Structure formats: structure tokens, C-alpha cells
Amino acid sequence: MLSQGEAGSLFDSVETCRQIALSAMGTRCGEARLYLMSVQTRQEGWEIDFGYSLNGVPVLNEGGAPPASW
């Protein structure tokens, strides 16, 4: 989780996490596209969840969990 006091603005935090997720996926994602699923305020800071879609269809982990969460 990102600390609100350390992370700066919400936009900057989401963009930073998006860049990390894209870097981690690298060329393995092929035609898949990353998208923001949710941002939730937690006691420790923000929880930022990303999903990805393939040909417009969301791809979820078993149980519907987001593929990437910070």
C-alpha cells in the first residue's frame, strides 16, 4: 500500500503504479491492455488495483481478484 503522506497526489500515485505494472508485464502482455480497476482509501494509505483486458474482455485471477494491486 502507498502511504498518502509519502505518495503525493492520488493521480501521481496511480500513474506511478501503472508504470510499475507496465514494466513488470513487459512484452509478456501482448495485446492485453492495463486499466485502473479501483482506488480504495485504507488506514495505511491507498490501495490501487489494476486489471487487464484482452480483446475487450477483462482477465481476472481465480476468485475474481485483480491481477495487480499496490
Protein backbone atom coordinates (compact mmCIF):
# COMPACT_ATOMS: atom_id res chain seq x y z
CA MET A 1 0.00 0.00 0.00
CA LEU A 2 1.11 3.56 -0.63
CA SER A 3 1.21 6.00 2.25
CA GLN A 4 -0.86 9.09 1.48
CA GLY A 5 1.69 11.37 3.15
CA GLU A 6 4.59 9.92 1.16
CA ALA A 7 2.91 9.19 -2.15
CA GLY A 8 1.90 12.69 -3.16
CA SER A 9 -1.27 13.25 -5.10
CA LEU A 10 -3.61 10.42 -5.99
CA PHE A 11 -3.03 10.96 -9.71
CA ASP A 12 0.75 10.72 -9.31
CA SER A 13 0.40 7.59 -7.20
CA VAL A 14 -1.88 5.88 -9.72
CA GLU A 15 0.42 6.83 -12.60
CA THR A 16 3.49 5.55 -10.75
CA CYS A 17 1.78 2.22 -10.03
CA ARG A 18 0.62 1.99 -13.65
CA GLN A 19 4.19 2.45 -14.86
CA ILE A 20 5.43 -0.23 -12.45
CA ALA A 21 2.74 -2.65 -13.61
CA LEU A 22 3.55 -1.99 -17.27
CA SER A 23 7.26 -2.53 -16.60
CA ALA A 24 6.54 -5.80 -14.78
CA MET A 25 4.33 -7.05 -17.61
CA GLY A 26 6.85 -6.05 -20.26
CA THR A 27 6.35 -7.74 -23.60
CA ARG A 28 4.54 -10.69 -21.99
CA CYS A 29 1.19 -8.94 -22.15
CA GLY A 30 0.95 -8.99 -25.96
CA GLU A 31 -2.33 -7.37 -26.98
CA ALA A 32 -3.60 -7.09 -23.39
CA ARG A 33 -4.37 -3.59 -22.07
CA LEU A 34 -3.91 -2.41 -18.50
CA TYR A 35 -6.74 -0.44 -16.85
CA LEU A 36 -7.47 1.05 -13.43
CA MET A 37 -9.99 -1.09 -11.54
CA SER A 38 -10.26 0.78 -8.25
CA VAL A 39 -8.64 3.01 -5.66
CA GLN A 40 -9.59 2.49 -2.04
CA THR A 41 -8.58 4.50 1.00
CA ARG A 42 -7.12 2.32 3.73
CA GLN A 43 -5.74 3.24 7.13
CA GLU A 44 -2.21 2.75 5.75
CA GLY A 45 -2.83 4.75 2.55
CA TRP A 46 -4.33 3.97 -0.86
CA GLU A 47 -4.85 0.52 -2.33
CA ILE A 48 -4.64 0.78 -6.12
CA ASP A 49 -5.89 -2.15 -8.22
CA PHE A 50 -5.29 -2.67 -11.92
CA GLY A 51 -6.79 -5.17 -14.28
CA TYR A 52 -6.10 -6.03 -17.84
CA SER A 53 -8.26 -6.92 -20.76
CA LEU A 54 -7.66 -8.96 -23.86
CA ASN A 55 -9.75 -8.07 -26.90
CA GLY A 56 -12.00 -6.02 -24.61
CA VAL A 57 -12.67 -8.91 -22.20
CA PRO A 58 -11.44 -8.46 -18.61
CA VAL A 59 -8.93 -11.09 -17.48
CA LEU A 60 -9.28 -11.97 -13.79
CA ASN A 61 -7.41 -14.23 -11.44
CA GLU A 62 -9.16 -17.17 -9.86
CA GLY A 63 -11.78 -15.84 -7.47
CA GLY A 64 -12.04 -12.52 -9.33
CA ALA A 65 -9.01 -10.92 -7.68
CA PRO A 66 -7.30 -8.10 -9.57
CA PRO A 67 -4.13 -9.11 -11.44
CA ALA A 68 -2.13 -6.24 -9.90
CA SER A 69 -2.60 -4.45 -6.59
CA TRP A 70 -0.48 -1.87 -4.78
